[in-house]
PDB file of N, CA and C in Angstrom:
ATOM      1  N   UNK A   1      86.781  97.126 126.806  1.00  0.00           N
ATOM      2  CA  UNK A   1      86.298  97.265 126.089  1.00  0.00           C
ATOM      3  C   UNK A   1      86.110  95.907 125.507  1.00  0.00           C
ATOM      4  N   UNK A   2      85.409  95.049 125.857  1.00  0.00           N
ATOM      5  CA  UNK A   2      85.004  93.506 125.143  1.00  0.00           C
ATOM      6  C   UNK A   2      85.088  93.224 123.499  1.00  0.00           C
ATOM      7  N   UNK A   3      85.489  92.252 123.479  1.00  0.00           N
ATOM      8  CA  UNK A   3      86.198  92.043 121.984  1.00  0.00           C
ATOM      9  C   UNK A   3      84.542  91.597 121.081  1.00  0.00           C
ATOM     10  N   UNK A   4      83.516  90.743 122.191  1.00  0.00           N
ATOM     11  CA  UNK A   4      82.620  90.571 121.706  1.00  0.00           C
ATOM     12  C   UNK A   4      82.730  90.178 120.118  1.00  0.00           C
ATOM     13  N   UNK A   5      83.885  88.769 120.650  1.00  0.00           N
ATOM     14  CA  UNK A   5      83.798  87.781 119.182  1.00  0.00           C
ATOM     15  C   UNK A   5      84.426  88.478 118.359  1.00  0.00           C
ATOM     16  N   UNK A   6      84.824  89.900 118.255  1.00  0.00           N
ATOM     17  CA  UNK A   6      85.952  90.141 116.920  1.00  0.00           C
ATOM     18  C   UNK A   6      87.067  90.055 118.109  1.00  0.00           C
ATOM     19  N   UNK A   7      87.664  90.147 116.563  1.00  0.00           N
ATOM     20  CA  UNK A   7      89.742  90.194 117.229  1.00  0.00           C
ATOM     21  C   UNK A   7      90.070  91.730 117.151  1.00  0.00           C
ATOM     22  N   UNK A   8      90.860  91.655 118.247  1.00  0.00           N
ATOM     23  CA  UNK A   8      90.479  93.259 118.865  1.00  0.00           C
ATOM     24  C   UNK A   8      92.249  93.540 117.939  1.00  0.00           C
ATOM     25  N   UNK A   9      92.762  94.445 118.180  1.00  0.00           N
ATOM     26  CA  UNK A   9      94.150  95.482 117.728  1.00  0.00           C
ATOM     27  C   UNK A   9      95.437  94.077 118.788  1.00  0.00           C
ATOM     28  N   UNK A  10      95.566  93.271 117.657  1.00  0.00           N
ATOM     29  CA  UNK A  10      97.191  92.949 118.653  1.00  0.00           C
ATOM     30  C   UNK A  10      97.174  91.127 119.053  1.00  0.00           C
ATOM     31  N   UNK A  11      95.323  90.765 119.461  1.00  0.00           N
ATOM     32  CA  UNK A  11      94.874  89.308 119.393  1.00  0.00           C
ATOM     33  C   UNK A  11      94.861  88.851 117.747  1.00  0.00           C
ATOM     34  N   UNK A  12      95.251  87.479 118.451  1.00  0.00           N
ATOM     35  CA  UNK A  12      95.304  86.571 117.756  1.00  0.00           C
ATOM     36  C   UNK A  12      94.322  85.753 116.773  1.00  0.00           C
ATOM     37  N   UNK A  13      93.762  85.628 115.770  1.00  0.00           N
ATOM     38  CA  UNK A  13      92.002  85.157 115.332  1.00  0.00           C
ATOM     39  C   UNK A  13      92.104  83.717 116.005  1.00  0.00           C
ATOM     40  N   UNK A  14      91.292  83.569 117.268  1.00  0.00           N
ATOM     41  CA  UNK A  14      90.625  82.327 117.585  1.00  0.00           C
ATOM     42  C   UNK A  14      91.776  82.018 119.450  1.00  0.00           C
ATOM     43  N   UNK A  15      92.638  82.683 119.433  1.00  0.00           N
ATOM     44  CA  UNK A  15      92.747  82.968 120.844  1.00  0.00           C
ATOM     45  C   UNK A  15      92.015  83.052 122.194  1.00  0.00           C
ATOM     46  N   UNK A  16      91.717  81.342 122.649  1.00  0.00           N
ATOM     47  CA  UNK A  16      91.433  81.928 123.790  1.00  0.00           C
ATOM     48  C   UNK A  16      92.010  82.631 125.000  1.00  0.00           C
ATOM     49  N   UNK A  17      91.907  83.982 125.490  1.00  0.00           N
ATOM     50  CA  UNK A  17      91.957  84.894 125.836  1.00  0.00           C
ATOM     51  C   UNK A  17      91.482  84.272 127.736  1.00  0.00           C
ATOM     52  N   UNK A  18      90.481  83.289 127.551  1.00  0.00           N
ATOM     53  CA  UNK A  18      89.316  83.057 129.101  1.00  0.00           C
ATOM     54  C   UNK A  18      90.754  82.515 129.812  1.00  0.00           C
ATOM     55  N   UNK A  19      91.840  81.430 130.048  1.00  0.00           N
ATOM     56  CA  UNK A  19      92.192  80.905 130.533  1.00  0.00           C
ATOM     57  C   UNK A  19      93.393  81.978 131.553  1.00  0.00           C
ATOM     58  N   UNK A  20      93.626  81.336 132.330  1.00  0.00           N
ATOM     59  CA  UNK A  20      94.220  82.099 133.076  1.00  0.00           C
ATOM     60  C   UNK A  20      95.485  82.385 132.400  1.00  0.00           C
ATOM     61  N   UNK A  21      95.935  84.074 132.391  1.00  0.00           N
ATOM     62  CA  UNK A  21      96.667  84.806 131.708  1.00  0.00           C
ATOM     63  C   UNK A  21      97.683  85.494 132.877  1.00  0.00           C
ATOM     64  N   UNK A  22      99.165  85.675 132.050  1.00  0.00           N
ATOM     65  CA  UNK A  22     100.363  86.887 132.933  1.00  0.00           C
ATOM     66  C   UNK A  22      99.545  88.113 131.983  1.00  0.00           C
ATOM     67  N   UNK A  23      99.475  88.742 133.056  1.00  0.00           N
ATOM     68  CA  UNK A  23      98.798  89.895 132.288  1.00  0.00           C
ATOM     69  C   UNK A  23     100.067  91.693 133.108  1.00  0.00           C
ATOM     70  N   UNK A  24     101.549  91.752 132.076  1.00  0.00           N
ATOM     71  CA  UNK A  24     101.926  92.990 132.092  1.00  0.00           C
ATOM     72  C   UNK A  24     101.595  93.823 131.964  1.00  0.00           C
ATOM     73  N   UNK A  25     100.870  94.761 132.630  1.00  0.00           N
ATOM     74  CA  UNK A  25     100.465  95.750 132.218  1.00  0.00           C
ATOM     75  C   UNK A  25     100.918  96.980 131.964  1.00  0.00           C
ATOM     76  N   UNK A  26     102.356  97.391 132.216  1.00  0.00           N
ATOM     77  CA  UNK A  26     102.785  98.317 131.823  1.00  0.00           C
ATOM     78  C   UNK A  26     103.711  98.219 131.305  1.00  0.00           C
ATOM     79  N   UNK A  27     104.977  99.049 130.584  1.00  0.00           N
ATOM     80  CA  UNK A  27     105.908  98.881 129.861  1.00  0.00           C
ATOM     81  C   UNK A  27     106.353  97.192 129.822  1.00  0.00           C
ATOM     82  N   UNK A  28     105.488  96.618 129.110  1.00  0.00           N
ATOM     83  CA  UNK A  28     105.829  95.518 128.217  1.00  0.00           C
ATOM     84  C   UNK A  28     106.558  95.097 126.663  1.00  0.00           C
ATOM     85  N   UNK A  29     106.413  96.745 127.000  1.00  0.00           N
ATOM     86  CA  UNK A  29     106.868  96.866 125.233  1.00  0.00           C
ATOM     87  C   UNK A  29     108.493  97.126 125.209  1.00  0.00           C
ATOM     88  N   UNK A  30     108.930  97.196 126.336  1.00  0.00           N
ATOM     89  CA  UNK A  30     110.553  97.553 126.292  1.00  0.00           C
ATOM     90  C   UNK A  30     111.768  96.753 127.280  1.00  0.00           C
ATOM     91  N   UNK A  31     113.151  96.894 127.614  1.00  0.00           N
ATOM     92  CA  UNK A  31     113.553  96.612 129.353  1.00  0.00           C
ATOM     93  C   UNK A  31     112.593  95.622 129.908  1.00  0.00           C
ATOM     94  N   UNK A  32     112.960  95.873 131.147  1.00  0.00           N
ATOM     95  CA  UNK A  32     112.510  94.812 132.592  1.00  0.00           C
ATOM     96  C   UNK A  32     111.390  94.035 131.625  1.00  0.00           C
ATOM     97  N   UNK A  33     110.022  95.094 131.556  1.00  0.00           N
ATOM     98  CA  UNK A  33     108.535  94.624 131.201  1.00  0.00           C
ATOM     99  C   UNK A  33     109.050  93.732 130.173  1.00  0.00           C
ATOM    100  N   UNK A  34     109.688  93.876 129.172  1.00  0.00           N
ATOM    101  CA  UNK A  34     109.424  92.777 127.975  1.00  0.00           C
ATOM    102  C   UNK A  34     110.489  91.728 128.287  1.00  0.00           C
ATOM    103  N   UNK A  35     111.739  92.144 129.703  1.00  0.00           N
ATOM    104  CA  UNK A  35     112.118  90.904 129.702  1.00  0.00           C
ATOM    105  C   UNK A  35     111.135  89.856 130.958  1.00  0.00           C
ATOM    106  N   UNK A  36     110.487  90.362 131.567  1.00  0.00           N
ATOM    107  CA  UNK A  36     109.738  89.998 132.406  1.00  0.00           C
ATOM    108  C   UNK A  36     108.860  88.804 131.293  1.00  0.00           C
ATOM    109  N   UNK A  37     107.882  89.850 130.364  1.00  0.00           N
ATOM    110  CA  UNK A  37     106.675  88.939 129.264  1.00  0.00           C
ATOM    111  C   UNK A  37     107.226  88.224 128.908  1.00  0.00           C
ATOM    112  N   UNK A  38     108.625  87.930 127.990  1.00  0.00           N
ATOM    113  CA  UNK A  38     109.428  86.722 127.829  1.00  0.00           C
ATOM    114  C   UNK A  38     110.076  85.941 128.852  1.00  0.00           C
ATOM    115  N   UNK A  39     109.970  86.327 129.850  1.00  0.00           N
ATOM    116  CA  UNK A  39     110.242  85.205 131.041  1.00  0.00           C
ATOM    117  C   UNK A  39     108.915  84.194 131.376  1.00  0.00           C
ATOM    118  N   UNK A  40     107.912  85.171 131.159  1.00  0.00           N
ATOM    119  CA  UNK A  40     106.691  84.261 131.172  1.00  0.00           C
ATOM    120  C   UNK A  40     106.599  83.395 130.112  1.00  0.00           C
ATOM    121  N   UNK A  41     106.374  83.439 128.581  1.00  0.00           N
ATOM    122  CA  UNK A  41     106.118  83.600 127.693  1.00  0.00           C
ATOM    123  C   UNK A  41     107.193  81.776 127.565  1.00  0.00           C
ATOM    124  N   UNK A  42     108.514  82.172 128.027  1.00  0.00           N
ATOM    125  CA  UNK A  42     109.439  80.642 128.369  1.00  0.00           C
ATOM    126  C   UNK A  42     108.764  79.311 128.580  1.00  0.00           C
ATOM    127  N   UNK A  43     107.784  80.189 130.074  1.00  0.00           N
ATOM    128  CA  UNK A  43     107.486  78.868 130.799  1.00  0.00           C
ATOM    129  C   UNK A  43     106.176  78.778 130.626  1.00  0.00           C
ATOM    130  N   UNK A  44     105.656  78.970 129.618  1.00  0.00           N
ATOM    131  CA  UNK A  44     104.560  78.622 128.490  1.00  0.00           C
ATOM    132  C   UNK A  44     103.268  78.921 129.514  1.00  0.00           C
ATOM    133  N   UNK A  45     103.224  80.691 129.708  1.00  0.00           N
ATOM    134  CA  UNK A  45     102.356  81.265 130.268  1.00  0.00           C
ATOM    135  C   UNK A  45     101.948  82.469 128.996  1.00  0.00           C
ATOM    136  N   UNK A  46     100.373  82.113 128.961  1.00  0.00           N
ATOM    137  CA  UNK A  46      99.614  82.936 127.403  1.00  0.00           C
ATOM    138  C   UNK A  46      99.743  84.650 128.487  1.00  0.00           C
ATOM    139  N   UNK A  47     100.161  85.331 127.605  1.00  0.00           N
ATOM    140  CA  UNK A  47     100.526  86.750 128.315  1.00  0.00           C
ATOM    141  C   UNK A  47      99.408  87.450 127.456  1.00  0.00           C
ATOM    142  N   UNK A  48      99.026  89.002 128.012  1.00  0.00           N
ATOM    143  CA  UNK A  48      98.694  90.253 127.505  1.00  0.00           C
ATOM    144  C   UNK A  48      99.529  91.372 128.311  1.00  0.00           C
ATOM    145  N   UNK A  49     100.275  92.191 126.811  1.00  0.00           N
ATOM    146  CA  UNK A  49     100.866  92.816 126.533  1.00  0.00           C
ATOM    147  C   UNK A  49     100.444  94.237 127.059  1.00  0.00           C
ATOM    148  N   UNK A  50     101.034  94.891 128.072  1.00  0.00           N
ATOM    149  CA  UNK A  50     100.542  96.504 128.014  1.00  0.00           C
ATOM    150  C   UNK A  50     101.416  97.512 127.640  1.00  0.00           C
ATOM    151  N   UNK A  51     100.958  98.575 126.969  1.00  0.00           N
ATOM    152  CA  UNK A  51     101.349  99.937 126.880  1.00  0.00           C
ATOM    153  C   UNK A  51     101.528 100.826 126.390  1.00  0.00           C
ATOM    154  N   UNK A  52     102.240 101.855 125.943  1.00  0.00           N
ATOM    155  CA  UNK A  52     101.755 103.139 125.444  1.00  0.00           C
ATOM    156  C   UNK A  52     102.069 102.730 124.149  1.00  0.00           C
ATOM    157  N   UNK A  53     102.663 102.527 123.273  1.00  0.00           N
ATOM    158  CA  UNK A  53     103.448 102.265 122.025  1.00  0.00           C
ATOM    159  C   UNK A  53     102.794 101.250 121.454  1.00  0.00           C
ATOM    160  N   UNK A  54     101.163 101.533 120.801  1.00  0.00           N
ATOM    161  CA  UNK A  54     101.541  99.867 119.464  1.00  0.00           C
ATOM    162  C   UNK A  54     101.917  99.334 119.428  1.00  0.00           C
ATOM    163  N   UNK A  55     103.212 100.146 118.333  1.00  0.00           N
ATOM    164  CA  UNK A  55     104.187  99.414 117.592  1.00  0.00           C
ATOM    165  C   UNK A  55     105.327  98.929 118.321  1.00  0.00           C
ATOM    166  N   UNK A  56     105.737  99.213 119.714  1.00  0.00           N
ATOM    167  CA  UNK A  56     106.386  98.783 120.110  1.00  0.00           C
ATOM    168  C   UNK A  56     105.937  97.402 120.683  1.00  0.00           C
ATOM    169  N   UNK A  57     104.280  97.351 121.419  1.00  0.00           N
ATOM    170  CA  UNK A  57     104.311  96.410 122.107  1.00  0.00           C
ATOM    171  C   UNK A  57     103.377  95.198 120.977  1.00  0.00           C
ATOM    172  N   UNK A  58     103.234  95.200 119.752  1.00  0.00           N
ATOM    173  CA  UNK A  58     103.210  94.196 118.505  1.00  0.00           C
ATOM    174  C   UNK A  58     104.678  94.000 118.038  1.00  0.00           C
ATOM    175  N   UNK A  59     105.789  94.453 118.321  1.00  0.00           N
ATOM    176  CA  UNK A  59     106.993  94.199 118.120  1.00  0.00           C
ATOM    177  C   UNK A  59     106.705  93.085 118.942  1.00  0.00           C
ATOM    178  N   UNK A  60     107.043  93.476 120.162  1.00  0.00           N
ATOM    179  CA  UNK A  60     107.311  92.568 121.357  1.00  0.00           C
ATOM    180  C   UNK A  60     106.295  91.083 121.496  1.00  0.00           C
ATOM    181  N   UNK A  61     104.957  91.215 120.821  1.00  0.00           N
ATOM    182  CA  UNK A  61     104.118  90.437 121.393  1.00  0.00           C
ATOM    183  C   UNK A  61     104.658  89.177 120.211  1.00  0.00           C
ATOM    184  N   UNK A  62     105.004  89.873 118.637  1.00  0.00           N
ATOM    185  CA  UNK A  62     105.284  89.161 117.553  1.00  0.00           C
ATOM    186  C   UNK A  62     106.592  88.101 118.153  1.00  0.00           C
ATOM    187  N   UNK A  63     107.269  89.302 118.661  1.00  0.00           N
ATOM    188  CA  UNK A  63     109.009  87.829 118.884  1.00  0.00           C
ATOM    189  C   UNK A  63     108.652  87.039 120.159  1.00  0.00           C
ATOM    190  N   UNK A  64     107.404  86.794 121.111  1.00  0.00           N
ATOM    191  CA  UNK A  64     107.423  85.973 121.559  1.00  0.00           C
ATOM    192  C   UNK A  64     106.731  85.048 120.383  1.00  0.00           C
ATOM    193  N   UNK A  65     105.664  85.135 120.069  1.00  0.00           N
ATOM    194  CA  UNK A  65     105.358  84.400 118.825  1.00  0.00           C
ATOM    195  C   UNK A  65     105.992  83.550 118.224  1.00  0.00           C
ATOM    196  N   UNK A  66     107.418  84.496 117.416  1.00  0.00           N
ATOM    197  CA  UNK A  66     108.124  83.658 116.776  1.00  0.00           C
ATOM    198  C   UNK A  66     108.451  82.899 117.795  1.00  0.00           C
ATOM    199  N   UNK A  67     109.131  82.832 118.892  1.00  0.00           N
ATOM    200  CA  UNK A  67     109.810  81.682 119.563  1.00  0.00           C
ATOM    201  C   UNK A  67     108.586  81.138 120.630  1.00  0.00           C
ATOM    202  N   UNK A  68     107.553  80.703 119.888  1.00  0.00           N
ATOM    203  CA  UNK A  68     106.571  79.863 120.459  1.00  0.00           C
ATOM    204  C   UNK A  68     105.417  80.489 121.483  1.00  0.00           C
ATOM    205  N   UNK A  69     105.723  81.290 122.293  1.00  0.00           N
ATOM    206  CA  UNK A  69     104.488  81.307 123.053  1.00  0.00           C
ATOM    207  C   UNK A  69     102.958  82.405 121.837  1.00  0.00           C
ATOM    208  N   UNK A  70     102.355  82.217 123.106  1.00  0.00           N
ATOM    209  CA  UNK A  70     101.010  83.067 123.230  1.00  0.00           C
ATOM    210  C   UNK A  70     101.193  84.559 124.196  1.00  0.00           C
ATOM    211  N   UNK A  71     100.857  85.755 122.815  1.00  0.00           N
ATOM    212  CA  UNK A  71     100.441  86.973 123.759  1.00  0.00           C
ATOM    213  C   UNK A  71      99.528  87.783 122.973  1.00  0.00           C
ATOM    214  N   UNK A  72      98.814  88.398 123.279  1.00  0.00           N
ATOM    215  CA  UNK A  72      97.932  89.928 122.273  1.00  0.00           C
ATOM    216  C   UNK A  72      98.936  90.891 123.243  1.00  0.00           C
ATOM    217  N   UNK A  73      98.129  92.158 123.095  1.00  0.00           N
ATOM    218  CA  UNK A  73      98.618  92.963 123.308  1.00  0.00           C
ATOM    219  C   UNK A  73      97.545  94.391 123.329  1.00  0.00           C
ATOM    220  N   UNK A  74      98.269  95.322 123.737  1.00  0.00           N
ATOM    221  CA  UNK A  74      96.677  96.660 124.333  1.00  0.00           C
ATOM    222  C   UNK A  74      97.178  97.605 124.757  1.00  0.00           C
ATOM    223  N   UNK A  75      97.170  98.760 123.584  1.00  0.00           N
ATOM    224  CA  UNK A  75      97.648 100.029 124.400  1.00  0.00           C
ATOM    225  C   UNK A  75      96.869 100.568 125.238  1.00  0.00           C
ATOM    226  N   UNK A  76      97.524 100.721 126.738  1.00  0.00           N
ATOM    227  CA  UNK A  76      96.593 101.390 127.945  1.00  0.00           C
ATOM    228  C   UNK A  76      97.792 101.910 128.491  1.00  0.00           C
ATOM    229  N   UNK A  77      97.681 102.574 129.139  1.00  0.00           N
ATOM    230  CA  UNK A  77      98.025 104.482 129.899  1.00  0.00           C
ATOM    231  C   UNK A  77      98.082 103.622 131.655  1.00  0.00           C
ATOM    232  N   UNK A  78      98.752 103.290 132.380  1.00  0.00           N
ATOM    233  CA  UNK A  78      98.340 103.014 133.875  1.00  0.00           C
ATOM    234  C   UNK A  78      97.442 103.942 134.504  1.00  0.00           C
ATOM    235  N   UNK A  79      97.641 105.070 134.465  1.00  0.00           N
ATOM    236  CA  UNK A  79      97.415 106.152 135.003  1.00  0.00           C
ATOM    237  C   UNK A  79      95.936 106.388 134.569  1.00  0.00           C
ATOM    238  N   UNK A  80      95.515 106.089 133.712  1.00  0.00           N
ATOM    239  CA  UNK A  80      93.621 105.855 133.346  1.00  0.00           C
ATOM    240  C   UNK A  80      93.289 104.747 133.737  1.00  0.00           C
ATOM    241  N   UNK A  81      92.415 105.077 134.861  1.00  0.00           N
ATOM    242  CA  UNK A  81      91.074 103.961 135.759  1.00  0.00           C
ATOM    243  C   UNK A  81      91.027 103.093 134.365  1.00  0.00           C
ATOM    244  N   UNK A  82      89.977 104.162 133.399  1.00  0.00           N
ATOM    245  CA  UNK A  82      89.271 103.315 132.049  1.00  0.00           C
ATOM    246  C   UNK A  82      90.006 102.361 131.326  1.00  0.00           C
ATOM    247  N   UNK A  83      91.450 102.717 130.823  1.00  0.00           N
ATOM    248  CA  UNK A  83      92.714 101.610 129.886  1.00  0.00           C
ATOM    249  C   UNK A  83      92.887 100.417 131.148  1.00  0.00           C
ATOM    250  N   UNK A  84      93.197 100.517 132.403  1.00  0.00           N
ATOM    251  CA  UNK A  84      92.997  99.358 133.099  1.00  0.00           C
ATOM    252  C   UNK A  84      91.981  98.614 133.364  1.00  0.00           C
ATOM    253  N   UNK A  85      90.748  99.388 133.939  1.00  0.00           N
ATOM    254  CA  UNK A  85      89.499  98.306 133.629  1.00  0.00           C
ATOM    255  C   UNK A  85      89.381  97.611 132.209  1.00  0.00           C
ATOM    256  N   UNK A  86      89.727  98.165 131.382  1.00  0.00           N
ATOM    257  CA  UNK A  86      89.528  97.046 129.838  1.00  0.00           C
ATOM    258  C   UNK A  86      90.793  96.147 129.875  1.00  0.00           C
ATOM    259  N   UNK A  87      91.895  96.454 130.428  1.00  0.00           N
ATOM    260  CA  UNK A  87      92.576  94.779 130.459  1.00  0.00           C
ATOM    261  C   UNK A  87      92.486  93.705 130.923  1.00  0.00           C
ATOM    262  N   UNK A  88      91.447  94.418 132.616  1.00  0.00           N
ATOM    263  CA  UNK A  88      90.981  93.105 132.639  1.00  0.00           C
ATOM    264  C   UNK A  88      89.549  92.195 132.438  1.00  0.00           C
ATOM    265  N   UNK A  89      89.169  93.078 131.046  1.00  0.00           N
ATOM    266  CA  UNK A  89      88.117  92.863 130.836  1.00  0.00           C
ATOM    267  C   UNK A  89      88.134  91.914 129.667  1.00  0.00           C
ATOM    268  N   UNK A  90      89.335  91.896 129.140  1.00  0.00           N
ATOM    269  CA  UNK A  90      90.019  90.691 128.511  1.00  0.00           C
ATOM    270  C   UNK A  90      90.576  89.735 128.453  1.00  0.00           C
ATOM    271  N   UNK A  91      90.984  90.167 130.329  1.00  0.00           N
ATOM    272  CA  UNK A  91      91.556  88.644 130.924  1.00  0.00           C
ATOM    273  C   UNK A  91      90.905  89.072 132.421  1.00  0.00           C
ATOM    274  N   UNK A  92      90.075  88.436 132.598  1.00  0.00           N
ATOM    275  CA  UNK A  92      88.834  89.435 133.653  1.00  0.00           C
ATOM    276  C   UNK A  92      89.171  88.366 134.930  1.00  0.00           C
ATOM    277  N   UNK A  93      90.238  87.410 134.755  1.00  0.00           N
ATOM    278  CA  UNK A  93      90.598  86.359 135.629  1.00  0.00           C
ATOM    279  C   UNK A  93      92.362  86.176 135.792  1.00  0.00           C
ATOM    280  N   UNK A  94      93.204  86.809 135.648  1.00  0.00           N
ATOM    281  CA  UNK A  94      94.688  86.593 135.120  1.00  0.00           C
ATOM    282  C   UNK A  94      95.118  85.815 136.473  1.00  0.00           C
ATOM    283  N   UNK A  95      95.895  85.109 136.109  1.00  0.00           N
ATOM    284  CA  UNK A  95      97.193  84.083 137.082  1.00  0.00           C
ATOM    285  C   UNK A  95      97.831  85.345 137.436  1.00  0.00           C
ATOM    286  N   UNK A  96      98.833  86.018 137.145  1.00  0.00           N
ATOM    287  CA  UNK A  96      99.468  87.425 137.969  1.00  0.00           C
ATOM    288  C   UNK A  96      99.084  88.925 136.916  1.00  0.00           C
ATOM    289  N   UNK A  97      99.440  89.649 137.806  1.00  0.00           N
ATOM    290  CA  UNK A  97      99.157  90.998 137.088  1.00  0.00           C
ATOM    291  C   UNK A  97     101.138  91.390 137.193  1.00  0.00           C
ATOM    292  N   UNK A  98     101.347  92.073 136.466  1.00  0.00           N
ATOM    293  CA  UNK A  98     102.254  92.513 136.158  1.00  0.00           C
ATOM    294  C   UNK A  98     102.467  93.976 136.313  1.00  0.00           C
ATOM    295  N   UNK A  99     102.802  95.141 136.819  1.00  0.00           N
ATOM    296  CA  UNK A  99     102.738  96.136 136.859  1.00  0.00           C
ATOM    297  C   UNK A  99     104.260  96.978 137.112  1.00  0.00           C
ATOM    298  N   UNK A 100     104.709  97.205 135.479  1.00  0.00           N
ATOM    299  CA  UNK A 100     106.149  97.539 135.508  1.00  0.00           C
ATOM    300  C   UNK A 100     106.343  98.896 135.132  1.00  0.00           C
ATOM    301  N   UNK A 101     106.263 100.230 135.895  1.00  0.00           N
ATOM    302  CA  UNK A 101     105.999 101.091 135.303  1.00  0.00           C
ATOM    303  C   UNK A 101     107.364 102.015 135.861  1.00  0.00           C
ATOM    304  N   UNK A 102     107.979 103.129 134.678  1.00  0.00           N
ATOM    305  CA  UNK A 102     109.348 103.513 134.727  1.00  0.00           C
ATOM    306  C   UNK A 102     110.555 103.550 134.877  1.00  0.00           C
TER     307      UNK A 102
END
């Protein structure tokens, strides 16, 4: 689902996700996926975090932002093709994609 100018859940107002981003496509809300996301954020990469739990994703993105990073989030199940395609609608040319399932 493209934003078409509206702010999507997990998106900061005025944030430009047209620049190359790091997409942490699964499991970004906790554990290894969250650690990978924090590391990329510390290195200055804007992030699109994805996972299945909105509340945990929001907390992970908020923590990255509080530390000075740029992060959006999107609820997505990596087993659903449409959900994965929607991630690439939000970040059409990512610099890197990390799928950390399980």
